[in-house]
Amino acid sequence: AMTDLNADAHVNSVTRIFPGLGETGIVAEIVELV
C-alpha cells in the first residue's frame, strides 16, 4: 500500500530500512492479524 516515483528508492526502503523500524507485511495479512 505504498509506492515511490523512484523504484530503486522504494526497494531500498522496503528491504533495508523498514525492517529496522518495524514489521512489514501486506494489507491482507495485517488486516487478518488485527
PDB file of all heavy atoms in Angstrom:
ATOM      1  N   ALA A   1       0.841  -1.197   0.000  1.00  0.00           N
ATOM      2  CA  ALA A   1       0.000   0.000   0.000  1.00  0.00           C
ATOM      3  C   ALA A   1       0.873   1.243   0.000  1.00  0.00           C
ATOM      4  O   ALA A   1       0.557   2.259   0.615  1.00  0.00           O
ATOM      5  CB  ALA A   1      -0.938  -0.004   1.197  1.00  0.00           C
ATOM      6  N   MET A   2       2.013   1.129  -0.681  1.00  0.00           N
ATOM      7  CA  MET A   2       2.912   2.281  -0.828  1.00  0.00           C
ATOM      8  C   MET A   2       3.626   2.175  -2.160  1.00  0.00           C
ATOM      9  O   MET A   2       3.723   1.097  -2.750  1.00  0.00           O
ATOM     10  CB  MET A   2       3.914   2.349   0.333  1.00  0.00           C
ATOM     11  CG  MET A   2       4.772   1.129   0.505  1.00  0.00           C
ATOM     12  SD  MET A   2       5.904   1.208   1.912  1.00  0.00           S
ATOM     13  CE  MET A   2       4.829   1.075   3.309  1.00  0.00           C
ATOM     14  N   THR A   3       4.081   3.309  -2.624  1.00  0.00           N
ATOM     15  CA  THR A   3       4.794   3.356  -3.895  1.00  0.00           C
ATOM     16  C   THR A   3       5.749   4.537  -3.874  1.00  0.00           C
ATOM     17  O   THR A   3       5.746   5.332  -2.931  1.00  0.00           O
ATOM     18  CB  THR A   3       3.814   3.452  -5.079  1.00  0.00           C
ATOM     19  OG1 THR A   3       4.527   3.251  -6.299  1.00  0.00           O
ATOM     20  CG2 THR A   3       3.097   4.790  -5.112  1.00  0.00           C
ATOM     21  N   ASP A   4       6.542   4.651  -4.904  1.00  0.00           N
ATOM     22  CA  ASP A   4       7.511   5.732  -4.993  1.00  0.00           C
ATOM     23  C   ASP A   4       7.777   6.009  -6.463  1.00  0.00           C
ATOM     24  O   ASP A   4       7.717   5.087  -7.285  1.00  0.00           O
ATOM     25  CB  ASP A   4       8.811   5.323  -4.290  1.00  0.00           C
ATOM     26  CG  ASP A   4       9.675   6.503  -3.904  1.00  0.00           C
ATOM     27  OD1 ASP A   4      10.133   7.233  -4.809  1.00  0.00           O
ATOM     28  OD2 ASP A   4       9.903   6.690  -2.701  1.00  0.00           O
ATOM     29  N   LEU A   5       8.072   7.242  -6.812  1.00  0.00           N
ATOM     30  CA  LEU A   5       8.437   7.566  -8.191  1.00  0.00           C
ATOM     31  C   LEU A   5       9.747   6.903  -8.595  1.00  0.00           C
ATOM     32  O   LEU A   5       9.991   6.629  -9.761  1.00  0.00           O
ATOM     33  CB  LEU A   5       8.530   9.075  -8.380  1.00  0.00           C
ATOM     34  CG  LEU A   5       7.211   9.830  -8.311  1.00  0.00           C
ATOM     35  CD1 LEU A   5       7.468  11.340  -8.375  1.00  0.00           C
ATOM     36  CD2 LEU A   5       6.287   9.397  -9.430  1.00  0.00           C
ATOM     37  N   ASN A   6      10.597   6.635  -7.616  1.00  0.00           N
ATOM     38  CA  ASN A   6      11.891   6.003  -7.869  1.00  0.00           C
ATOM     39  C   ASN A   6      11.819   4.563  -7.383  1.00  0.00           C
ATOM     40  O   ASN A   6      11.805   4.303  -6.172  1.00  0.00           O
ATOM     41  CB  ASN A   6      12.991   6.771  -7.145  1.00  0.00           C
ATOM     42  CG  ASN A   6      14.363   6.216  -7.402  1.00  0.00           C
ATOM     43  OD1 ASN A   6      14.563   5.004  -7.446  1.00  0.00           O
ATOM     44  ND2 ASN A   6      15.328   7.107  -7.557  1.00  0.00           N
ATOM     45  N   ALA A   7      11.777   3.608  -8.293  1.00  0.00           N
ATOM     46  CA  ALA A   7      11.642   2.193  -7.934  1.00  0.00           C
ATOM     47  C   ALA A   7      12.789   1.708  -7.061  1.00  0.00           C
ATOM     48  O   ALA A   7      12.581   0.929  -6.119  1.00  0.00           O
ATOM     49  CB  ALA A   7      11.527   1.337  -9.193  1.00  0.00           C
ATOM     50  N   ASP A   8      14.017   2.158  -7.346  1.00  0.00           N
ATOM     51  CA  ASP A   8      15.165   1.739  -6.540  1.00  0.00           C
ATOM     52  C   ASP A   8      15.048   2.259  -5.102  1.00  0.00           C
ATOM     53  O   ASP A   8      15.386   1.552  -4.153  1.00  0.00           O
ATOM     54  CB  ASP A   8      16.474   2.231  -7.158  1.00  0.00           C
ATOM     55  CG  ASP A   8      16.817   1.531  -8.459  1.00  0.00           C
ATOM     56  OD1 ASP A   8      16.348   0.390  -8.672  1.00  0.00           O
ATOM     57  OD2 ASP A   8      17.549   2.129  -9.275  1.00  0.00           O
ATOM     58  N   ALA A   9      14.590   3.488  -4.946  1.00  0.00           N
ATOM     59  CA  ALA A   9      14.419   4.058  -3.612  1.00  0.00           C
ATOM     60  C   ALA A   9      13.336   3.296  -2.849  1.00  0.00           C
ATOM     61  O   ALA A   9      13.464   3.051  -1.640  1.00  0.00           O
ATOM     62  CB  ALA A   9      14.064   5.543  -3.706  1.00  0.00           C
ATOM     63  N   HIS A  10      12.276   2.907  -3.532  1.00  0.00           N
ATOM     64  CA  HIS A  10      11.203   2.120  -2.916  1.00  0.00           C
ATOM     65  C   HIS A  10      11.749   0.784  -2.412  1.00  0.00           C
ATOM     66  O   HIS A  10      11.543   0.414  -1.253  1.00  0.00           O
ATOM     67  CB  HIS A  10      10.073   1.902  -3.928  1.00  0.00           C
ATOM     68  CG  HIS A  10       9.017   0.972  -3.444  1.00  0.00           C
ATOM     69  ND1 HIS A  10       8.015   1.370  -2.604  1.00  0.00           N
ATOM     70  CD2 HIS A  10       8.815  -0.356  -3.693  1.00  0.00           C
ATOM     71  CE1 HIS A  10       7.221   0.331  -2.337  1.00  0.00           C
ATOM     72  NE2 HIS A  10       7.691  -0.731  -2.992  1.00  0.00           N
ATOM     73  N   VAL A  11      12.446   0.073  -3.261  1.00  0.00           N
ATOM     74  CA  VAL A  11      13.001  -1.229  -2.892  1.00  0.00           C
ATOM     75  C   VAL A  11      13.973  -1.088  -1.728  1.00  0.00           C
ATOM     76  O   VAL A  11      13.954  -1.885  -0.781  1.00  0.00           O
ATOM     77  CB  VAL A  11      13.665  -1.913  -4.112  1.00  0.00           C
ATOM     78  CG1 VAL A  11      14.459  -3.140  -3.683  1.00  0.00           C
ATOM     79  CG2 VAL A  11      12.622  -2.278  -5.153  1.00  0.00           C
ATOM     80  N   ASN A  12      14.827  -0.071  -1.761  1.00  0.00           N
ATOM     81  CA  ASN A  12      15.776   0.157  -0.676  1.00  0.00           C
ATOM     82  C   ASN A  12      15.045   0.379   0.645  1.00  0.00           C
ATOM     83  O   ASN A  12      15.426  -0.197   1.673  1.00  0.00           O
ATOM     84  CB  ASN A  12      16.674   1.355  -0.995  1.00  0.00           C
ATOM     85  CG  ASN A  12      17.706   1.581   0.078  1.00  0.00           C
ATOM     86  OD1 ASN A  12      18.559   0.748   0.313  1.00  0.00           O
ATOM     87  ND2 ASN A  12      17.603   2.724   0.742  1.00  0.00           N
ATOM     88  N   SER A  13      14.014   1.204   0.633  1.00  0.00           N
ATOM     89  CA  SER A  13      13.262   1.478   1.862  1.00  0.00           C
ATOM     90  C   SER A  13      12.609   0.209   2.394  1.00  0.00           C
ATOM     91  O   SER A  13      12.708  -0.095   3.588  1.00  0.00           O
ATOM     92  CB  SER A  13      12.192   2.539   1.609  1.00  0.00           C
ATOM     93  OG  SER A  13      12.780   3.777   1.291  1.00  0.00           O
ATOM     94  N   VAL A  14      11.935  -0.525   1.508  1.00  0.00           N
ATOM     95  CA  VAL A  14      11.197  -1.718   1.926  1.00  0.00           C
ATOM     96  C   VAL A  14      12.128  -2.835   2.397  1.00  0.00           C
ATOM     97  O   VAL A  14      11.837  -3.509   3.390  1.00  0.00           O
ATOM     98  CB  VAL A  14      10.280  -2.212   0.774  1.00  0.00           C
ATOM     99  CG1 VAL A  14       9.697  -3.578   1.080  1.00  0.00           C
ATOM    100  CG2 VAL A  14       9.162  -1.197   0.528  1.00  0.00           C
ATOM    101  N   THR A  15      13.248  -3.030   1.726  1.00  0.00           N
ATOM    102  CA  THR A  15      14.109  -4.172   2.050  1.00  0.00           C
ATOM    103  C   THR A  15      15.202  -3.867   3.066  1.00  0.00           C
ATOM    104  O   THR A  15      15.616  -4.767   3.796  1.00  0.00           O
ATOM    105  CB  THR A  15      14.770  -4.742   0.780  1.00  0.00           C
ATOM    106  OG1 THR A  15      15.584  -3.733   0.170  1.00  0.00           O
ATOM    107  CG2 THR A  15      13.728  -5.252  -0.198  1.00  0.00           C
ATOM    108  N   ARG A  16      15.664  -2.626   3.130  1.00  0.00           N
ATOM    109  CA  ARG A  16      16.792  -2.320   4.010  1.00  0.00           C
ATOM    110  C   ARG A  16      16.435  -1.448   5.219  1.00  0.00           C
ATOM    111  O   ARG A  16      17.002  -1.629   6.292  1.00  0.00           O
ATOM    112  CB  ARG A  16      17.896  -1.633   3.203  1.00  0.00           C
ATOM    113  CG  ARG A  16      18.512  -2.548   2.179  1.00  0.00           C
ATOM    114  CD  ARG A  16      19.738  -1.910   1.544  1.00  0.00           C
ATOM    115  NE  ARG A  16      20.374  -2.826   0.627  1.00  0.00           N
ATOM    116  CZ  ARG A  16      20.235  -2.773  -0.692  1.00  0.00           C
ATOM    117  NH1 ARG A  16      19.487  -1.846  -1.246  1.00  0.00           N
ATOM    118  NH2 ARG A  16      20.853  -3.657  -1.462  1.00  0.00           N
ATOM    119  N   ILE A  17      15.551  -0.506   5.041  1.00  0.00           N
ATOM    120  CA  ILE A  17      15.276   0.449   6.114  1.00  0.00           C
ATOM    121  C   ILE A  17      14.091   0.025   6.978  1.00  0.00           C
ATOM    122  O   ILE A  17      14.186   0.003   8.206  1.00  0.00           O
ATOM    123  CB  ILE A  17      15.065   1.862   5.530  1.00  0.00           C
ATOM    124  CG1 ILE A  17      16.370   2.326   4.874  1.00  0.00           C
ATOM    125  CG2 ILE A  17      14.588   2.839   6.599  1.00  0.00           C
ATOM    126  CD1 ILE A  17      16.260   3.568   4.056  1.00  0.00           C
ATOM    127  N   PHE A  18      12.983  -0.322   6.360  1.00  0.00           N
ATOM    128  CA  PHE A  18      11.765  -0.615   7.120  1.00  0.00           C
ATOM    129  C   PHE A  18      11.902  -1.771   8.103  1.00  0.00           C
ATOM    130  O   PHE A  18      11.346  -1.705   9.210  1.00  0.00           O
ATOM    131  CB  PHE A  18      10.574  -0.832   6.194  1.00  0.00           C
ATOM    132  CG  PHE A  18      10.143   0.420   5.477  1.00  0.00           C
ATOM    133  CD1 PHE A  18       9.274   0.342   4.415  1.00  0.00           C
ATOM    134  CD2 PHE A  18      10.599   1.680   5.839  1.00  0.00           C
ATOM    135  CE1 PHE A  18       8.857   1.481   3.735  1.00  0.00           C
ATOM    136  CE2 PHE A  18      10.206   2.829   5.165  1.00  0.00           C
ATOM    137  CZ  PHE A  18       9.322   2.725   4.118  1.00  0.00           C
ATOM    138  N   PRO A  19      12.627  -2.848   7.766  1.00  0.00           N
ATOM    139  CA  PRO A  19      12.758  -3.931   8.758  1.00  0.00           C
ATOM    140  C   PRO A  19      13.404  -3.477  10.068  1.00  0.00           C
ATOM    141  O   PRO A  19      13.159  -4.087  11.116  1.00  0.00           O
ATOM    142  CB  PRO A  19      13.620  -4.967   8.032  1.00  0.00           C
ATOM    143  CG  PRO A  19      13.311  -4.753   6.583  1.00  0.00           C
ATOM    144  CD  PRO A  19      13.189  -3.246   6.463  1.00  0.00           C
ATOM    145  N   GLY A  20      14.169  -2.416  10.051  1.00  0.00           N
ATOM    146  CA  GLY A  20      14.765  -1.882  11.268  1.00  0.00           C
ATOM    147  C   GLY A  20      13.847  -0.959  12.045  1.00  0.00           C
ATOM    148  O   GLY A  20      14.113  -0.629  13.206  1.00  0.00           O
ATOM    149  N   LEU A  21      12.765  -0.530  11.419  1.00  0.00           N
ATOM    150  CA  LEU A  21      11.833   0.409  12.060  1.00  0.00           C
ATOM    151  C   LEU A  21      10.573  -0.264  12.579  1.00  0.00           C
ATOM    152  O   LEU A  21       9.868   0.304  13.414  1.00  0.00           O
ATOM    153  CB  LEU A  21      11.436   1.512  11.070  1.00  0.00           C
ATOM    154  CG  LEU A  21      12.575   2.401  10.579  1.00  0.00           C
ATOM    155  CD1 LEU A  21      12.058   3.388   9.531  1.00  0.00           C
ATOM    156  CD2 LEU A  21      13.221   3.137  11.740  1.00  0.00           C
ATOM    157  N   GLY A  22      10.265  -1.434  12.045  1.00  0.00           N
ATOM    158  CA  GLY A  22       9.041  -2.098  12.460  1.00  0.00           C
ATOM    159  C   GLY A  22       8.818  -3.374  11.673  1.00  0.00           C
ATOM    160  O   GLY A  22       9.738  -3.906  11.053  1.00  0.00           O
ATOM    161  N   GLU A  23       7.595  -3.824  11.702  1.00  0.00           N
ATOM    162  CA  GLU A  23       7.224  -5.031  10.981  1.00  0.00           C
ATOM    163  C   GLU A  23       6.688  -4.646   9.610  1.00  0.00           C
ATOM    164  O   GLU A  23       6.051  -3.609   9.455  1.00  0.00           O
ATOM    165  CB  GLU A  23       6.158  -5.796  11.750  1.00  0.00           C
ATOM    166  CG  GLU A  23       6.646  -6.280  13.105  1.00  0.00           C
ATOM    167  CD  GLU A  23       5.575  -7.037  13.838  1.00  0.00           C
ATOM    168  OE1 GLU A  23       5.260  -8.162  13.413  1.00  0.00           O
ATOM    169  OE2 GLU A  23       5.051  -6.490  14.822  1.00  0.00           O
ATOM    170  N   THR A  24       6.941  -5.490   8.628  1.00  0.00           N
ATOM    171  CA  THR A  24       6.421  -5.251   7.289  1.00  0.00           C
ATOM    172  C   THR A  24       5.480  -6.387   6.920  1.00  0.00           C
ATOM    173  O   THR A  24       5.641  -7.522   7.370  1.00  0.00           O
ATOM    174  CB  THR A  24       7.546  -5.153   6.247  1.00  0.00           C
ATOM    175  OG1 THR A  24       8.283  -6.369   6.233  1.00  0.00           O
ATOM    176  CG2 THR A  24       8.477  -3.982   6.548  1.00  0.00           C
ATOM    177  N   GLY A  25       4.503  -6.069   6.090  1.00  0.00           N
ATOM    178  CA  GLY A  25       3.563  -7.074   5.616  1.00  0.00           C
ATOM    179  C   GLY A  25       2.662  -6.477   4.570  1.00  0.00           C
ATOM    180  O   GLY A  25       2.736  -5.285   4.273  1.00  0.00           O
ATOM    181  N   ILE A  26       1.818  -7.312   4.012  1.00  0.00           N
ATOM    182  CA  ILE A  26       0.842  -6.818   3.041  1.00  0.00           C
ATOM    183  C   ILE A  26      -0.478  -6.557   3.764  1.00  0.00           C
ATOM    184  O   ILE A  26      -0.726  -7.097   4.845  1.00  0.00           O
ATOM    185  CB  ILE A  26       0.666  -7.786   1.851  1.00  0.00           C
ATOM    186  CG1 ILE A  26       0.130  -9.138   2.305  1.00  0.00           C
ATOM    187  CG2 ILE A  26       1.988  -7.938   1.088  1.00  0.00           C
ATOM    188  CD1 ILE A  26      -0.258 -10.066   1.163  1.00  0.00           C
ATOM    189  N   VAL A  27      -1.305  -5.729   3.169  1.00  0.00           N
ATOM    190  CA  VAL A  27      -2.546  -5.293   3.811  1.00  0.00           C
ATOM    191  C   VAL A  27      -3.393  -6.479   4.266  1.00  0.00           C
ATOM    192  O   VAL A  27      -3.877  -6.502   5.396  1.00  0.00           O
ATOM    193  CB  VAL A  27      -3.354  -4.365   2.868  1.00  0.00           C
ATOM    194  CG1 VAL A  27      -4.734  -4.097   3.430  1.00  0.00           C
ATOM    195  CG2 VAL A  27      -2.600  -3.060   2.631  1.00  0.00           C
ATOM    196  N   ALA A  28      -3.564  -7.475   3.409  1.00  0.00           N
ATOM    197  CA  ALA A  28      -4.406  -8.625   3.766  1.00  0.00           C
ATOM    198  C   ALA A  28      -3.895  -9.320   5.028  1.00  0.00           C
ATOM    199  O   ALA A  28      -4.683  -9.704   5.900  1.00  0.00           O
ATOM    200  CB  ALA A  28      -4.480  -9.606   2.597  1.00  0.00           C
ATOM    201  N   GLU A  29      -2.582  -9.480   5.147  1.00  0.00           N
ATOM    202  CA  GLU A  29      -2.003 -10.109   6.337  1.00  0.00           C
ATOM    203  C   GLU A  29      -2.223  -9.246   7.580  1.00  0.00           C
ATOM    204  O   GLU A  29      -2.560  -9.759   8.647  1.00  0.00           O
ATOM    205  CB  GLU A  29      -0.494 -10.309   6.151  1.00  0.00           C
ATOM    206  CG  GLU A  29      -0.111 -11.304   5.097  1.00  0.00           C
ATOM    207  CD  GLU A  29       1.382 -11.284   4.791  1.00  0.00           C
ATOM    208  OE1 GLU A  29       2.079 -10.278   5.095  1.00  0.00           O
ATOM    209  OE2 GLU A  29       1.852 -12.289   4.244  1.00  0.00           O
ATOM    210  N   ILE A  30      -2.033  -7.954   7.428  1.00  0.00           N
ATOM    211  CA  ILE A  30      -2.189  -7.035   8.559  1.00  0.00           C
ATOM    212  C   ILE A  30      -3.632  -7.036   9.047  1.00  0.00           C
ATOM    213  O   ILE A  30      -3.896  -7.143  10.246  1.00  0.00           O
ATOM    214  CB  ILE A  30      -1.715  -5.623   8.182  1.00  0.00           C
ATOM    215  CG1 ILE A  30      -0.213  -5.638   7.879  1.00  0.00           C
ATOM    216  CG2 ILE A  30      -2.049  -4.616   9.285  1.00  0.00           C
ATOM    217  CD1 ILE A  30       0.296  -4.399   7.172  1.00  0.00           C
ATOM    218  N   VAL A  31      -4.574  -6.952   8.126  1.00  0.00           N
ATOM    219  CA  VAL A  31      -5.996  -6.964   8.491  1.00  0.00           C
ATOM    220  C   VAL A  31      -6.347  -8.275   9.179  1.00  0.00           C
ATOM    221  O   VAL A  31      -7.043  -8.284  10.206  1.00  0.00           O
ATOM    222  CB  VAL A  31      -6.881  -6.719   7.252  1.00  0.00           C
ATOM    223  CG1 VAL A  31      -8.341  -6.995   7.558  1.00  0.00           C
ATOM    224  CG2 VAL A  31      -6.687  -5.289   6.743  1.00  0.00           C
ATOM    225  N   GLU A  32      -5.866  -9.388   8.644  1.00  0.00           N
ATOM    226  CA  GLU A  32      -6.156 -10.691   9.249  1.00  0.00           C
ATOM    227  C   GLU A  32      -5.631 -10.757  10.686  1.00  0.00           C
ATOM    228  O   GLU A  32      -6.324 -11.231  11.586  1.00  0.00           O
ATOM    229  CB  GLU A  32      -5.535 -11.808   8.420  1.00  0.00           C
ATOM    230  CG  GLU A  32      -5.798 -13.187   8.989  1.00  0.00           C
ATOM    231  CD  GLU A  32      -5.136 -14.298   8.188  1.00  0.00           C
ATOM    232  OE1 GLU A  32      -4.768 -14.076   7.022  1.00  0.00           O
ATOM    233  OE2 GLU A  32      -5.000 -15.398   8.745  1.00  0.00           O
ATOM    234  N   LEU A  33      -4.423 -10.284  10.913  1.00  0.00           N
ATOM    235  CA  LEU A  33      -3.853 -10.309  12.257  1.00  0.00           C
ATOM    236  C   LEU A  33      -4.635  -9.425  13.225  1.00  0.00           C
ATOM    237  O   LEU A  33      -4.870  -9.802  14.373  1.00  0.00           O
ATOM    238  CB  LEU A  33      -2.390  -9.883  12.217  1.00  0.00           C
ATOM    239  CG  LEU A  33      -1.443 -10.902  11.579  1.00  0.00           C
ATOM    240  CD1 LEU A  33      -0.063 -10.273  11.368  1.00  0.00           C
ATOM    241  CD2 LEU A  33      -1.340 -12.153  12.431  1.00  0.00           C
ATOM    242  N   VAL A  34      -5.044  -8.254  12.754  1.00  0.00           N
ATOM    243  CA  VAL A  34      -5.828  -7.354  13.610  1.00  0.00           C
ATOM    244  C   VAL A  34      -7.176  -7.976  13.939  1.00  0.00           C
ATOM    245  O   VAL A  34      -7.626  -7.949  15.086  1.00  0.00           O
ATOM    246  CB  VAL A  34      -5.998  -5.969  12.945  1.00  0.00           C
ATOM    247  CG1 VAL A  34      -7.016  -5.128  13.694  1.00  0.00           C
ATOM    248  CG2 VAL A  34      -4.658  -5.249  12.876  1.00  0.00           C
TER     249      VAL A  34
END
